[in-house]
Amino acid sequence: MEKRILGKSGLEVSTLGLGCMGLSFGYGPAVAKEQGIQLIRAAFEQGITFFDTAEAYGAANEELVGEAVKPFRQSVVIATKFGFLDGDAQKGLDSRPERIRQVVENSLKRLQTDYIDLLYQHRVDPNVPMEDVAGAVKDLITEGKVKHFGLSEAGASSIQKAHAVQPVTALQSEYSIWWREPEKEILPTLEALGIGFVPFSPLGKGFLTGAINENTQFDSTDFRNIVPRFSAENRKANQALVDLLNSIALEKKATPAQIALGWLLAQKPWIVPIPGTTKLHRLTENIGGATVNLTEADVRAIDEAFEKTTIYGDRYPAHLQQRVGK
């Protein structure tokens, strides 16, 4: 797999990363540990060198990533995150400098490593000045415990404040064919500052694969049960989007997921999507998306077609939406 560099930082990663959250958090029951290790190692064997986890995904998630990549630790980039009270996304935010330091020490143990390649603030904490957050990470970088600083779901103002204290290597936020909000303010800000972009949910939390329809039943612990865009009514209404992706995929001899990833990669050379999966065949399919070469004309045609479709439902329930874009 080809490599990309995240902004001006010099951090080189595979064109696609692997989002590891779903292996143990957010999308139903956790996979068996051995299954998770097998999937991560299969990803590495197929060229993926960029693995994404977080304290908030549970200790088991970081431990899984750490154990899986241990044989080839020096050849991969591990990203993890701090920012929630007691590491629990249900409890609210906590980015106090002393807390950041504690999270890093815990993560280093769970990941079985002595440095974190990319450390993100998971959500902007309105109670802690961004300058203090960036300063705390800067100290950790000076000590060699962290290599690069990132932000997740931050707004342009927070990105600029952080970058002035400690250069930000990457922003991680949702971006896909069906969530285009970053194009308004975030992408121009990142381009101006030389910051890479790591889109999560590049396949629309699975919807853009075509594997989900109005009749799909999610596990009771699946996060999508509370996402307005995933109500049965909205899934039915949004099917037109998948049908459109399908028709484009047929022309290109690809799958809808591969077209969705190819579209993202065609936007900017410093964009590195991190699709997640628990299935080996989906992993291989996603990796195939890195070789889908869409021309400017292809991208224009896709955009024009999507402009004629309507997306139904918000991407987050209101209480979670309040945490983003700060």
Protein backbone atom coordinates (compact mmCIF):
# COMPACT_ATOMS: atom_id res chain seq x y z
CA MET A 1 0.00 0.00 0.00
CA GLU A 2 1.18 3.51 -0.78
CA LYS A 3 2.00 5.96 2.03
CA ARG A 4 0.81 9.45 2.81
CA ILE A 5 2.26 12.17 5.03
CA LEU A 6 -0.07 13.88 7.50
CA GLY A 7 0.29 17.56 6.72
CA LYS A 8 3.69 19.19 7.22
CA SER A 9 4.52 17.01 10.21
CA GLY A 10 6.53 14.39 8.37
CA LEU A 11 4.43 11.61 9.97
CA GLU A 12 4.20 8.95 7.27
CA VAL A 13 1.36 6.43 7.42
CA SER A 14 -0.35 3.98 5.10
CA THR A 15 -2.92 5.53 2.74
CA LEU A 16 -5.65 3.90 4.83
CA GLY A 17 -5.50 3.29 8.56
CA LEU A 18 -7.54 0.90 10.68
CA GLY A 19 -10.05 2.25 13.16
CA CYS A 20 -9.97 -0.29 16.01
CA MET A 21 -12.87 1.04 18.12
CA GLY A 22 -15.45 -1.41 16.78
CA LEU A 23 -13.40 -4.42 17.83
CA SER A 24 -14.49 -3.86 21.41
CA PHE A 25 -16.68 -0.76 21.69
CA GLY A 26 -19.63 1.03 20.13
CA TYR A 27 -20.96 -1.46 17.60
CA GLY A 28 -22.28 -4.34 19.65
CA PRO A 29 -20.42 -7.09 21.56
CA ALA A 30 -16.61 -7.10 21.51
CA VAL A 31 -14.93 -9.61 19.25
CA ALA A 32 -12.90 -12.39 20.86
CA LYS A 33 -9.38 -11.22 21.65
CA GLU A 34 -7.72 -13.67 19.27
CA GLN A 35 -10.07 -12.59 16.48
CA GLY A 36 -9.15 -8.95 17.05
CA ILE A 37 -5.43 -9.73 17.04
CA GLN A 38 -5.82 -11.74 13.85
CA LEU A 39 -7.62 -8.86 12.14
CA ILE A 40 -5.02 -6.24 13.14
CA ARG A 41 -2.15 -8.48 12.04
CA ALA A 42 -3.93 -9.22 8.75
CA ALA A 43 -4.25 -5.47 8.22
CA PHE A 44 -0.51 -5.05 8.74
CA GLU A 45 0.27 -7.90 6.35
CA GLN A 46 -1.84 -6.14 3.72
CA GLY A 47 0.02 -2.85 4.13
CA ILE A 48 -1.78 -0.94 6.88
CA THR A 49 0.65 0.74 9.28
CA PHE A 50 -1.70 3.18 11.08
CA PHE A 51 -3.87 1.92 13.97
CA ASP A 52 -6.36 4.05 15.91
CA THR A 53 -7.57 3.43 19.46
CA ALA A 54 -8.54 5.52 22.53
CA GLU A 55 -8.79 5.39 26.30
CA ALA A 56 -12.55 5.84 25.94
CA TYR A 57 -12.89 2.61 23.93
CA GLY A 58 -11.99 0.72 27.10
CA ALA A 59 -8.75 -0.69 28.45
CA ALA A 60 -9.34 -3.86 26.44
CA ASN A 61 -9.15 -1.93 23.16
CA GLU A 62 -5.72 -0.43 23.83
CA GLU A 63 -4.50 -3.75 25.22
CA LEU A 64 -5.69 -5.53 22.08
CA VAL A 65 -3.90 -3.08 19.79
CA GLY A 66 -0.74 -3.22 21.90
CA GLU A 67 -0.57 -7.01 21.89
CA ALA A 68 -1.43 -7.29 18.18
CA VAL A 69 1.27 -4.89 16.96
CA LYS A 70 3.96 -5.88 19.46
CA PRO A 71 5.89 -8.07 16.96
CA PHE A 72 6.19 -5.13 14.53
CA ARG A 73 5.81 -2.12 16.84
CA GLN A 74 8.63 -0.12 15.21
CA SER A 75 6.94 -0.44 11.80
CA VAL A 76 3.56 1.02 12.76
CA VAL A 77 1.99 4.27 13.95
CA ILE A 78 -0.32 4.01 16.97
CA ALA A 79 -2.82 6.76 17.64
CA THR A 80 -4.71 6.98 20.93
CA LYS A 81 -6.76 9.66 22.71
CA PHE A 82 -7.42 11.35 26.04
CA GLY A 83 -10.18 13.72 27.09
CA PHE A 84 -13.00 12.00 29.00
CA LEU A 85 -13.57 11.93 32.74
CA ASP A 86 -12.22 8.59 34.05
CA GLY A 87 -11.89 7.56 30.40
CA ASP A 88 -15.68 7.19 30.18
CA ALA A 89 -17.42 9.03 27.34
CA GLN A 90 -20.68 8.91 29.34
CA LYS A 91 -19.21 10.96 32.20
CA GLY A 92 -18.22 14.16 30.45
CA LEU A 93 -14.91 15.80 29.58
CA ASP A 94 -11.58 16.08 31.41
CA SER A 95 -8.48 17.46 29.68
CA ARG A 96 -6.70 18.86 32.72
CA PRO A 97 -2.92 18.65 32.20
CA GLU A 98 -2.44 16.28 35.15
CA ARG A 99 -5.14 14.04 33.74
CA ILE A 100 -3.52 14.03 30.28
CA ARG A 101 -0.27 12.88 31.84
CA GLN A 102 -2.02 10.09 33.77
CA VAL A 103 -3.86 8.90 30.65
CA VAL A 104 -0.59 8.72 28.73
CA GLU A 105 1.09 6.66 31.46
CA ASN A 106 -1.87 4.25 31.48
CA SER A 107 -1.97 4.03 27.69
CA LEU A 108 1.76 3.31 27.44
CA LYS A 109 1.30 0.32 29.77
CA ARG A 110 -1.75 -1.02 27.95
CA LEU A 111 -0.14 -0.55 24.53
CA GLN A 112 3.09 -2.22 25.75
CA THR A 113 5.18 0.60 24.33
CA ASP A 114 7.33 3.47 25.55
CA TYR A 115 5.96 6.10 23.16
CA ILE A 116 2.67 7.08 21.51
CA ASP A 117 3.06 8.12 17.88
CA LEU A 118 -0.03 10.34 17.73
CA LEU A 119 -1.93 11.57 20.78
CA TYR A 120 -5.33 13.17 20.17
CA GLN A 121 -7.53 15.22 22.44
CA HIS A 122 -10.76 13.26 21.94
CA ARG A 123 -13.08 16.24 22.35
CA VAL A 124 -12.37 19.88 23.18
CA ASP A 125 -12.87 20.56 26.90
CA PRO A 126 -14.46 24.01 27.38
CA ASN A 127 -13.23 24.06 31.00
CA VAL A 128 -9.54 23.79 30.11
CA PRO A 129 -7.86 26.44 27.92
CA MET A 130 -6.60 24.89 24.68
CA GLU A 131 -3.22 26.50 25.34
CA ASP A 132 -2.92 24.42 28.54
CA VAL A 133 -3.87 21.23 26.72
CA ALA A 134 -1.36 21.86 23.93
CA GLY A 135 1.27 22.81 26.49
CA ALA A 136 0.79 19.54 28.39
CA VAL A 137 1.18 17.52 25.20
CA LYS A 138 4.21 19.61 24.23
CA ASP A 139 5.86 18.61 27.51
CA LEU A 140 5.13 14.93 26.82
CA ILE A 141 6.65 15.31 23.34
CA THR A 142 9.77 16.88 24.87
CA GLU A 143 10.02 13.88 27.21
CA GLY A 144 9.74 11.46 24.27
CA LYS A 145 6.54 9.81 25.50
CA VAL A 146 4.52 11.27 22.63
CA LYS A 147 5.68 11.96 19.07
CA HIS A 148 2.80 13.96 17.55
CA PHE A 149 -0.24 15.96 18.73
CA GLY A 150 -3.71 15.66 17.28
CA LEU A 151 -7.25 16.91 17.87
CA SER A 152 -10.58 15.20 17.28
CA GLU A 153 -13.81 16.93 16.26
CA ALA A 154 -12.32 20.34 17.09
CA GLY A 155 -13.46 23.58 15.47
CA ALA A 156 -11.22 25.98 13.53
CA SER A 157 -10.61 28.30 16.49
CA SER A 158 -9.44 25.46 18.76
CA ILE A 159 -7.20 24.09 16.02
CA GLN A 160 -5.54 27.50 15.59
CA LYS A 161 -5.05 27.99 19.35
CA ALA A 162 -3.52 24.54 19.78
CA HIS A 163 -1.30 24.84 16.72
CA ALA A 164 0.19 28.10 18.01
CA VAL A 165 1.50 26.30 21.12
CA GLN A 166 2.36 22.85 19.74
CA PRO A 167 2.10 22.10 15.99
CA VAL A 168 -0.90 19.88 15.35
CA THR A 169 -0.09 16.91 13.12
CA ALA A 170 -3.64 15.72 12.42
CA LEU A 171 -7.29 16.42 13.00
CA GLN A 172 -9.61 13.46 13.27
CA SER A 173 -13.28 14.10 12.50
CA GLU A 174 -16.12 12.45 10.66
CA TYR A 175 -16.00 13.01 6.91
CA SER A 176 -17.54 11.00 4.10
CA ILE A 177 -19.66 11.36 1.01
CA TRP A 178 -22.71 11.71 3.27
CA TRP A 179 -21.16 14.03 5.88
CA ARG A 180 -19.59 17.00 4.11
CA GLU A 181 -19.56 19.58 6.91
CA PRO A 182 -15.71 19.70 7.19
CA GLU A 183 -15.52 21.17 3.68
CA LYS A 184 -16.91 24.51 4.89
CA GLU A 185 -14.31 25.59 7.43
CA ILE A 186 -12.19 22.67 8.62
CA LEU A 187 -10.48 21.61 5.39
CA PRO A 188 -9.41 25.19 4.49
CA THR A 189 -8.05 25.66 8.06
CA LEU A 190 -6.06 22.43 7.88
CA GLU A 191 -4.69 23.26 4.46
CA ALA A 192 -3.59 26.72 5.60
CA LEU A 193 -1.80 25.34 8.66
CA GLY A 194 -0.35 22.22 7.05
CA ILE A 195 -2.30 19.74 9.21
CA GLY A 196 -3.32 16.27 8.05
CA PHE A 197 -6.90 15.02 8.17
CA VAL A 198 -7.95 11.59 9.43
CA PRO A 199 -11.63 10.96 8.65
CA PHE A 200 -13.39 8.48 10.90
CA SER A 201 -16.63 6.79 9.79
CA PRO A 202 -15.54 7.19 6.14
CA LEU A 203 -18.16 4.57 5.25
CA GLY A 204 -20.95 6.36 7.10
CA LYS A 205 -20.84 3.99 10.12
CA GLY A 206 -21.35 1.11 7.69
CA PHE A 207 -24.27 2.54 5.75
CA LEU A 208 -22.30 3.33 2.61
CA THR A 209 -21.23 -0.31 2.26
CA GLY A 210 -24.75 -1.26 1.21
CA ALA A 211 -24.90 -3.88 3.97
CA ILE A 212 -27.49 -1.94 6.02
CA ASN A 213 -31.12 -1.27 5.09
CA GLU A 214 -34.38 -0.28 6.78
CA ASN A 215 -34.85 -3.83 8.11
CA THR A 216 -31.42 -4.16 9.74
CA GLN A 217 -31.61 -4.91 13.46
CA PHE A 218 -28.72 -3.54 15.53
CA ASP A 219 -27.51 -5.14 18.75
CA SER A 220 -28.92 -3.44 21.87
CA THR A 221 -25.44 -2.08 22.71
CA ASP A 222 -24.88 -0.64 19.22
CA PHE A 223 -24.33 3.13 19.22
CA ARG A 224 -26.31 3.47 15.97
CA ASN A 225 -29.56 2.83 17.86
CA ILE A 226 -29.44 6.43 19.14
CA VAL A 227 -28.22 8.05 15.91
CA PRO A 228 -31.09 9.89 14.16
CA ARG A 229 -29.65 9.10 10.72
CA PHE A 230 -30.03 5.40 11.53
CA SER A 231 -33.72 5.35 12.40
CA ALA A 232 -35.54 2.80 10.20
CA GLU A 233 -37.40 5.64 8.49
CA ASN A 234 -34.20 7.54 7.66
CA ARG A 235 -32.37 4.40 6.56
CA LYS A 236 -35.16 3.79 4.07
CA ALA A 237 -35.03 7.41 2.86
CA ASN A 238 -31.23 7.37 2.57
CA GLN A 239 -31.19 4.17 0.51
CA ALA A 240 -31.18 6.33 -2.64
CA LEU A 241 -27.65 7.37 -1.71
CA VAL A 242 -26.43 3.78 -1.56
CA ASP A 243 -28.20 2.98 -4.82
CA LEU A 244 -26.29 5.82 -6.44
CA LEU A 245 -22.97 4.55 -5.01
CA ASN A 246 -23.84 1.10 -6.30
CA SER A 247 -24.37 2.33 -9.84
CA ILE A 248 -21.01 4.16 -9.79
CA ALA A 249 -19.30 1.10 -8.31
CA LEU A 250 -20.64 -1.15 -11.08
CA GLU A 251 -19.15 1.16 -13.70
CA LYS A 252 -15.77 1.12 -11.95
CA LYS A 253 -15.84 -2.63 -11.18
CA ALA A 254 -15.57 -1.81 -7.49
CA THR A 255 -17.82 -1.97 -4.41
CA PRO A 256 -19.75 0.96 -2.90
CA ALA A 257 -17.35 1.00 0.06
CA GLN A 258 -14.34 1.20 -2.27
CA ILE A 259 -15.88 4.10 -4.17
CA ALA A 260 -16.62 5.92 -0.90
CA LEU A 261 -12.98 5.51 0.20
CA GLY A 262 -11.62 6.39 -3.24
CA TRP A 263 -13.69 9.57 -3.20
CA LEU A 264 -12.18 10.62 0.14
CA LEU A 265 -8.62 9.87 -0.98
CA ALA A 266 -9.18 11.95 -4.11
CA GLN A 267 -10.07 15.05 -2.08
CA LYS A 268 -6.60 15.89 -0.70
CA PRO A 269 -3.22 14.10 -0.63
CA TRP A 270 -3.05 14.61 3.16
CA ILE A 271 -6.31 12.81 3.94
CA VAL A 272 -6.00 9.34 5.51
CA PRO A 273 -9.34 7.61 6.26
CA ILE A 274 -9.54 5.01 9.04
CA PRO A 275 -12.38 2.60 8.23
CA GLY A 276 -13.04 0.02 10.91
CA THR A 277 -14.36 -3.51 10.63
CA THR A 278 -14.48 -6.78 12.53
CA LYS A 279 -14.50 -8.95 9.41
CA LEU A 280 -11.47 -10.07 7.41
CA HIS A 281 -13.29 -9.96 4.06
CA ARG A 282 -14.42 -6.38 4.74
CA LEU A 283 -10.85 -5.46 5.68
CA THR A 284 -9.59 -6.73 2.33
CA GLU A 285 -12.45 -4.96 0.53
CA ASN A 286 -11.63 -1.66 2.26
CA ILE A 287 -7.94 -1.98 1.43
CA GLY A 288 -9.00 -2.33 -2.19
CA GLY A 289 -10.44 1.18 -1.88
CA ALA A 290 -6.89 2.54 -1.72
CA THR A 291 -6.35 1.45 -5.33
CA VAL A 292 -9.55 2.94 -6.74
CA ASN A 293 -8.26 5.85 -8.78
CA LEU A 294 -10.99 8.39 -9.35
CA THR A 295 -10.23 11.15 -11.84
CA GLU A 296 -11.25 14.76 -11.29
CA ALA A 297 -14.08 14.12 -13.73
CA ASP A 298 -15.18 11.06 -11.73
CA VAL A 299 -15.21 13.05 -8.49
CA ARG A 300 -17.11 15.88 -10.16
CA ALA A 301 -19.70 13.43 -11.52
CA ILE A 302 -20.11 11.82 -8.09
CA ASP A 303 -20.51 15.22 -6.42
CA GLU A 304 -23.06 16.38 -8.97
CA ALA A 305 -25.06 13.20 -8.49
CA PHE A 306 -24.97 13.52 -4.70
CA GLU A 307 -26.09 17.14 -4.85
CA LYS A 308 -29.37 15.83 -6.23
CA THR A 309 -29.90 13.47 -3.31
CA THR A 310 -31.18 14.45 0.13
CA ILE A 311 -29.63 13.06 3.31
CA TYR A 312 -32.11 12.43 6.12
CA GLY A 313 -31.32 12.52 9.85
CA ASP A 314 -28.62 14.13 12.02
CA ARG A 315 -25.29 12.34 12.45
CA TYR A 316 -25.42 12.60 16.26
CA PRO A 317 -28.18 12.89 18.88
CA ALA A 318 -28.33 16.43 20.29
CA HIS A 319 -26.40 15.72 23.53
CA LEU A 320 -23.40 14.39 21.57
CA GLN A 321 -23.57 17.06 18.89
CA GLN A 322 -22.92 19.66 21.61
CA ARG A 323 -19.39 18.26 22.04
CA VAL A 324 -18.19 18.75 18.48
CA GLY A 325 -16.85 21.70 16.51
CA LYS A 326 -15.76 23.64 19.60
